[in-house]
Amino acid sequence: MDEIAELRDALDRLHAAMDDLVVRGVRAAGPTDIAKLTALRDEFRTAGAEHLAEKLSTLVDAVQAGERAAAPALMRAVTTFRLFDRMLTLEVARGALSPPVAVPRDDEAEPEGDE
């Protein structure tokens, strides 16, 4: 699987986890939810999406501590991951719509002269 497909898969899993937390509430988050978010955080950090990983870290820390800041942290993380998703989509679209790069064939190369 290429890097973009792996990121799309991780974003899909994050989307499901975030939707679940939004519906159930952050106070209902258990060890399984924390483990999912932590694994996704590590995956995004490895992929170079440090800003998203940072928002997930803040969310995980707030949920584990039972802080009131967990709900706003969830909304910030959702906003960040949706923005990242849109940026990734635009990058893929740009790559798909850009004209192919012409690579000269060997038989089209200019002959070297003794001029």
N, C-alpha and C. Protein backbone atom coordinates (compact mmCIF):
# COMPACT_ATOMS: atom_id res chain seq x y z
N MET A 1 0.85 -1.17 0.00
CA MET A 1 0.00 0.00 0.00
C MET A 1 0.90 1.24 0.00
N ASP A 2 0.58 2.22 -0.83
CA ASP A 2 1.42 3.41 -0.86
C ASP A 2 1.11 4.34 0.32
N GLU A 3 1.93 5.34 0.48
CA GLU A 3 1.82 6.23 1.64
C GLU A 3 0.48 6.95 1.71
N ILE A 4 -0.02 7.41 0.57
CA ILE A 4 -1.31 8.11 0.54
C ILE A 4 -2.43 7.17 0.96
N ALA A 5 -2.42 5.95 0.47
CA ALA A 5 -3.45 4.97 0.83
C ALA A 5 -3.40 4.65 2.32
N GLU A 6 -2.19 4.56 2.87
CA GLU A 6 -2.06 4.31 4.31
C GLU A 6 -2.61 5.48 5.11
N LEU A 7 -2.32 6.70 4.67
CA LEU A 7 -2.86 7.87 5.36
C LEU A 7 -4.38 7.91 5.26
N ARG A 8 -4.93 7.58 4.10
CA ARG A 8 -6.39 7.56 3.93
C ARG A 8 -7.01 6.53 4.87
N ASP A 9 -6.39 5.36 4.98
CA ASP A 9 -6.88 4.33 5.88
C ASP A 9 -6.85 4.81 7.33
N ALA A 10 -5.76 5.44 7.72
CA ALA A 10 -5.63 5.96 9.08
C ALA A 10 -6.66 7.07 9.32
N LEU A 11 -6.88 7.93 8.33
CA LEU A 11 -7.88 8.99 8.48
C LEU A 11 -9.28 8.41 8.62
N ASP A 12 -9.57 7.35 7.88
CA ASP A 12 -10.88 6.69 8.01
C ASP A 12 -11.07 6.13 9.42
N ARG A 13 -10.02 5.50 9.94
CA ARG A 13 -10.11 4.95 11.30
C ARG A 13 -10.24 6.07 12.33
N LEU A 14 -9.53 7.17 12.12
CA LEU A 14 -9.62 8.31 13.04
C LEU A 14 -11.01 8.93 12.97
N HIS A 15 -11.56 9.03 11.77
CA HIS A 15 -12.90 9.58 11.60
C HIS A 15 -13.92 8.76 12.39
N ALA A 16 -13.83 7.45 12.30
CA ALA A 16 -14.75 6.58 13.05
C ALA A 16 -14.57 6.75 14.55
N ALA A 17 -13.32 6.82 15.01
CA ALA A 17 -13.05 6.98 16.44
C ALA A 17 -13.56 8.32 16.95
N MET A 18 -13.36 9.38 16.17
CA MET A 18 -13.82 10.71 16.58
C MET A 18 -15.34 10.78 16.59
N ASP A 19 -15.98 10.23 15.57
CA ASP A 19 -17.44 10.22 15.55
C ASP A 19 -18.00 9.49 16.76
N ASP A 20 -17.37 8.39 17.12
CA ASP A 20 -17.79 7.62 18.28
C ASP A 20 -17.67 8.46 19.56
N LEU A 21 -16.56 9.17 19.69
CA LEU A 21 -16.37 10.01 20.88
C LEU A 21 -17.35 11.18 20.91
N VAL A 22 -17.63 11.76 19.75
CA VAL A 22 -18.57 12.87 19.70
C VAL A 22 -19.96 12.40 20.12
N VAL A 23 -20.37 11.24 19.64
CA VAL A 23 -21.71 10.73 19.96
C VAL A 23 -21.81 10.29 21.42
N ARG A 24 -20.82 9.53 21.89
CA ARG A 24 -20.87 8.99 23.25
C ARG A 24 -20.42 10.00 24.30
N GLY A 25 -19.55 10.90 23.92
CA GLY A 25 -19.00 11.86 24.87
C GLY A 25 -17.65 11.40 25.37
N VAL A 26 -16.80 12.37 25.67
CA VAL A 26 -15.43 12.03 26.07
C VAL A 26 -15.37 11.36 27.44
N ARG A 27 -16.35 11.61 28.28
CA ARG A 27 -16.34 10.97 29.61
C ARG A 27 -16.63 9.48 29.53
N ALA A 28 -17.22 9.05 28.42
CA ALA A 28 -17.52 7.63 28.24
C ALA A 28 -16.35 6.88 27.60
N ALA A 29 -15.29 7.60 27.27
CA ALA A 29 -14.13 6.97 26.63
C ALA A 29 -13.44 6.03 27.61
N GLY A 30 -13.18 4.83 27.14
CA GLY A 30 -12.52 3.83 27.98
C GLY A 30 -11.12 3.52 27.47
N PRO A 31 -10.50 2.50 28.06
CA PRO A 31 -9.14 2.12 27.67
C PRO A 31 -9.01 1.75 26.18
N THR A 32 -10.05 1.15 25.62
CA THR A 32 -10.01 0.78 24.21
C THR A 32 -9.95 2.03 23.33
N ASP A 33 -10.76 3.03 23.68
CA ASP A 33 -10.76 4.28 22.92
C ASP A 33 -9.42 4.99 23.03
N ILE A 34 -8.86 5.00 24.23
CA ILE A 34 -7.56 5.64 24.45
C ILE A 34 -6.48 4.91 23.64
N ALA A 35 -6.54 3.59 23.62
CA ALA A 35 -5.55 2.80 22.87
C ALA A 35 -5.65 3.09 21.37
N LYS A 36 -6.88 3.20 20.85
CA LYS A 36 -7.06 3.53 19.43
C LYS A 36 -6.46 4.89 19.11
N LEU A 37 -6.80 5.88 19.94
CA LEU A 37 -6.31 7.24 19.69
C LEU A 37 -4.79 7.31 19.80
N THR A 38 -4.23 6.58 20.76
CA THR A 38 -2.78 6.58 20.93
C THR A 38 -2.09 5.93 19.73
N ALA A 39 -2.64 4.83 19.25
CA ALA A 39 -2.06 4.17 18.08
C ALA A 39 -2.16 5.06 16.84
N LEU A 40 -3.29 5.73 16.68
CA LEU A 40 -3.45 6.64 15.54
C LEU A 40 -2.51 7.83 15.66
N ARG A 41 -2.35 8.35 16.88
CA ARG A 41 -1.42 9.45 17.11
C ARG A 41 -0.02 9.06 16.67
N ASP A 42 0.41 7.87 17.08
CA ASP A 42 1.75 7.40 16.72
C ASP A 42 1.88 7.20 15.21
N GLU A 43 0.82 6.73 14.59
CA GLU A 43 0.83 6.51 13.14
C GLU A 43 0.96 7.84 12.39
N PHE A 44 0.23 8.85 12.83
CA PHE A 44 0.32 10.16 12.17
C PHE A 44 1.65 10.83 12.45
N ARG A 45 2.18 10.64 13.64
CA ARG A 45 3.50 11.20 13.95
C ARG A 45 4.56 10.58 13.05
N THR A 46 4.48 9.27 12.86
CA THR A 46 5.43 8.57 11.99
C THR A 46 5.31 9.06 10.54
N ALA A 47 4.08 9.37 10.12
CA ALA A 47 3.84 9.83 8.75
C ALA A 47 4.24 11.29 8.55
N GLY A 48 4.59 11.98 9.63
CA GLY A 48 5.01 13.37 9.51
C GLY A 48 3.92 14.38 9.77
N ALA A 49 2.75 13.93 10.19
CA ALA A 49 1.63 14.83 10.50
C ALA A 49 1.71 15.20 11.98
N GLU A 50 2.75 15.92 12.34
CA GLU A 50 3.03 16.23 13.74
C GLU A 50 1.94 17.08 14.37
N HIS A 51 1.38 18.02 13.62
CA HIS A 51 0.35 18.90 14.18
C HIS A 51 -0.88 18.09 14.58
N LEU A 52 -1.28 17.16 13.75
CA LEU A 52 -2.42 16.30 14.07
C LEU A 52 -2.08 15.40 15.25
N ALA A 53 -0.88 14.86 15.27
CA ALA A 53 -0.45 14.00 16.39
C ALA A 53 -0.46 14.78 17.70
N GLU A 54 -0.06 16.05 17.64
CA GLU A 54 -0.05 16.89 18.85
C GLU A 54 -1.47 17.10 19.38
N LYS A 55 -2.42 17.35 18.49
CA LYS A 55 -3.82 17.53 18.91
C LYS A 55 -4.37 16.23 19.51
N LEU A 56 -3.99 15.10 18.94
CA LEU A 56 -4.44 13.82 19.50
C LEU A 56 -3.81 13.57 20.87
N SER A 57 -2.56 13.97 21.05
CA SER A 57 -1.91 13.83 22.36
C SER A 57 -2.63 14.66 23.41
N THR A 58 -2.97 15.89 23.04
CA THR A 58 -3.70 16.77 23.96
C THR A 58 -5.04 16.15 24.34
N LEU A 59 -5.73 15.59 23.35
CA LEU A 59 -7.02 14.94 23.60
C LEU A 59 -6.85 13.74 24.53
N VAL A 60 -5.90 12.88 24.24
CA VAL A 60 -5.68 11.68 25.05
C VAL A 60 -5.34 12.07 26.49
N ASP A 61 -4.46 13.04 26.65
CA ASP A 61 -4.08 13.48 28.00
C ASP A 61 -5.27 14.03 28.77
N ALA A 62 -6.10 14.83 28.11
CA ALA A 62 -7.27 15.42 28.77
C ALA A 62 -8.30 14.35 29.13
N VAL A 63 -8.50 13.38 28.25
CA VAL A 63 -9.47 12.31 28.53
C VAL A 63 -8.97 11.45 29.69
N GLN A 64 -7.69 11.10 29.68
CA GLN A 64 -7.14 10.27 30.75
C GLN A 64 -7.21 10.98 32.10
N ALA A 65 -7.02 12.28 32.10
CA ALA A 65 -7.05 13.05 33.36
C ALA A 65 -8.47 13.40 33.78
N GLY A 66 -9.45 13.14 32.92
CA GLY A 66 -10.83 13.46 33.24
C GLY A 66 -11.08 14.96 33.29
N GLU A 67 -10.31 15.72 32.55
CA GLU A 67 -10.43 17.18 32.57
C GLU A 67 -11.63 17.65 31.76
N ARG A 68 -12.12 18.82 32.16
CA ARG A 68 -13.22 19.44 31.41
C ARG A 68 -12.75 19.90 30.04
N ALA A 69 -11.46 20.06 29.89
CA ALA A 69 -10.88 20.51 28.62
C ALA A 69 -10.91 19.41 27.56
N ALA A 70 -11.36 18.23 27.92
CA ALA A 70 -11.38 17.12 26.96
C ALA A 70 -12.34 17.39 25.80
N ALA A 71 -13.51 17.95 26.09
CA ALA A 71 -14.48 18.22 25.02
C ALA A 71 -13.94 19.25 24.02
N PRO A 72 -13.42 20.40 24.47
CA PRO A 72 -12.82 21.32 23.50
C PRO A 72 -11.62 20.71 22.77
N ALA A 73 -10.85 19.88 23.46
CA ALA A 73 -9.71 19.22 22.81
C ALA A 73 -10.20 18.28 21.71
N LEU A 74 -11.33 17.62 21.95
CA LEU A 74 -11.92 16.75 20.93
C LEU A 74 -12.32 17.57 19.70
N MET A 75 -12.96 18.71 19.92
CA MET A 75 -13.39 19.54 18.80
C MET A 75 -12.18 20.09 18.02
N ARG A 76 -11.12 20.45 18.73
CA ARG A 76 -9.91 20.92 18.05
C ARG A 76 -9.27 19.79 17.24
N ALA A 77 -9.25 18.61 17.81
CA ALA A 77 -8.68 17.46 17.09
C ALA A 77 -9.52 17.13 15.86
N VAL A 78 -10.84 17.20 15.98
CA VAL A 78 -11.72 16.93 14.83
C VAL A 78 -11.46 17.96 13.74
N THR A 79 -11.37 19.23 14.13
CA THR A 79 -11.10 20.29 13.15
C THR A 79 -9.77 20.07 12.45
N THR A 80 -8.75 19.73 13.22
CA THR A 80 -7.41 19.52 12.66
C THR A 80 -7.40 18.33 11.72
N PHE A 81 -8.04 17.23 12.11
CA PHE A 81 -8.00 16.05 11.24
C PHE A 81 -8.82 16.27 9.97
N ARG A 82 -9.91 17.02 10.06
CA ARG A 82 -10.69 17.31 8.84
C ARG A 82 -9.92 18.23 7.90
N LEU A 83 -9.20 19.19 8.46
CA LEU A 83 -8.37 20.05 7.64
C LEU A 83 -7.25 19.24 6.97
N PHE A 84 -6.63 18.36 7.74
CA PHE A 84 -5.58 17.51 7.18
C PHE A 84 -6.14 16.64 6.05
N ASP A 85 -7.34 16.11 6.26
CA ASP A 85 -7.99 15.29 5.25
C ASP A 85 -8.22 16.09 3.96
N ARG A 86 -8.69 17.32 4.10
CA ARG A 86 -8.93 18.17 2.93
C ARG A 86 -7.62 18.49 2.21
N MET A 87 -6.58 18.79 2.98
CA MET A 87 -5.29 19.10 2.37
C MET A 87 -4.73 17.90 1.62
N LEU A 88 -4.88 16.72 2.20
CA LEU A 88 -4.42 15.50 1.54
C LEU A 88 -5.20 15.26 0.25
N THR A 89 -6.52 15.49 0.31
CA THR A 89 -7.36 15.33 -0.87
C THR A 89 -6.93 16.28 -1.98
N LEU A 90 -6.66 17.53 -1.61
CA LEU A 90 -6.22 18.51 -2.61
C LEU A 90 -4.87 18.14 -3.20
N GLU A 91 -3.98 17.62 -2.38
CA GLU A 91 -2.65 17.22 -2.87
C GLU A 91 -2.78 16.06 -3.86
N VAL A 92 -3.62 15.10 -3.54
CA VAL A 92 -3.84 13.96 -4.45
C VAL A 92 -4.47 14.44 -5.75
N ALA A 93 -5.46 15.34 -5.64
CA ALA A 93 -6.11 15.86 -6.84
C ALA A 93 -5.13 16.65 -7.70
N ARG A 94 -4.28 17.45 -7.07
CA ARG A 94 -3.28 18.21 -7.81
C ARG A 94 -2.35 17.27 -8.57
N GLY A 95 -1.92 16.21 -7.91
CA GLY A 95 -1.05 15.24 -8.57
C GLY A 95 -1.74 14.53 -9.71
N ALA A 96 -3.02 14.23 -9.54
CA ALA A 96 -3.75 13.52 -10.59
C ALA A 96 -4.05 14.42 -11.79
N LEU A 97 -4.22 15.71 -11.54
CA LEU A 97 -4.59 16.63 -12.62
C LEU A 97 -3.41 17.32 -13.27
N SER A 98 -2.25 17.21 -12.70
CA SER A 98 -1.09 17.88 -13.29
C SER A 98 -0.66 17.11 -14.54
N PRO A 99 -0.15 17.86 -15.52
CA PRO A 99 0.27 17.18 -16.75
C PRO A 99 1.48 16.29 -16.48
N PRO A 100 1.56 15.19 -17.20
CA PRO A 100 2.70 14.30 -17.00
C PRO A 100 4.00 14.98 -17.43
N VAL A 101 5.05 14.63 -16.77
CA VAL A 101 6.36 15.18 -17.09
C VAL A 101 6.92 14.42 -18.28
N ALA A 102 7.30 15.16 -19.30
CA ALA A 102 7.85 14.53 -20.50
C ALA A 102 9.30 14.13 -20.24
N VAL A 103 9.58 12.88 -20.45
CA VAL A 103 10.94 12.37 -20.28
C VAL A 103 11.47 12.06 -21.67
N PRO A 104 12.57 12.72 -22.07
CA PRO A 104 13.09 12.46 -23.41
C PRO A 104 13.60 11.02 -23.53
N ARG A 105 13.30 10.43 -24.66
CA ARG A 105 13.80 9.09 -24.91
C ARG A 105 15.24 9.19 -25.37
N ASP A 106 15.96 8.10 -25.28
CA ASP A 106 17.37 8.09 -25.68
C ASP A 106 17.55 8.42 -27.15
N ASP A 107 16.64 7.95 -28.00
CA ASP A 107 16.79 8.19 -29.44
C ASP A 107 16.42 9.62 -29.83
N GLU A 108 15.81 10.38 -28.90
CA GLU A 108 15.46 11.77 -29.16
C GLU A 108 16.52 12.73 -28.65
N ALA A 109 17.50 12.22 -27.95
CA ALA A 109 18.54 13.08 -27.39
C ALA A 109 19.35 13.69 -28.52
N GLU A 110 19.78 14.93 -28.30
CA GLU A 110 20.57 15.62 -29.33
C GLU A 110 21.94 14.98 -29.44
N PRO A 111 22.39 14.76 -30.67
CA PRO A 111 23.73 14.18 -30.83
C PRO A 111 24.78 15.22 -30.44
N GLU A 112 25.81 14.72 -29.83
CA GLU A 112 26.89 15.61 -29.43
C GLU A 112 27.79 15.85 -30.63
N GLY A 113 28.09 17.10 -30.88
CA GLY A 113 28.90 17.44 -32.03
C GLY A 113 30.28 17.90 -31.62
N ASP A 114 31.18 17.97 -32.58
CA ASP A 114 32.55 18.42 -32.32
C ASP A 114 32.69 19.88 -32.71
N GLU A 115 31.75 20.69 -32.44
CA GLU A 115 31.79 22.08 -32.85
C GLU A 115 32.57 22.92 -31.92
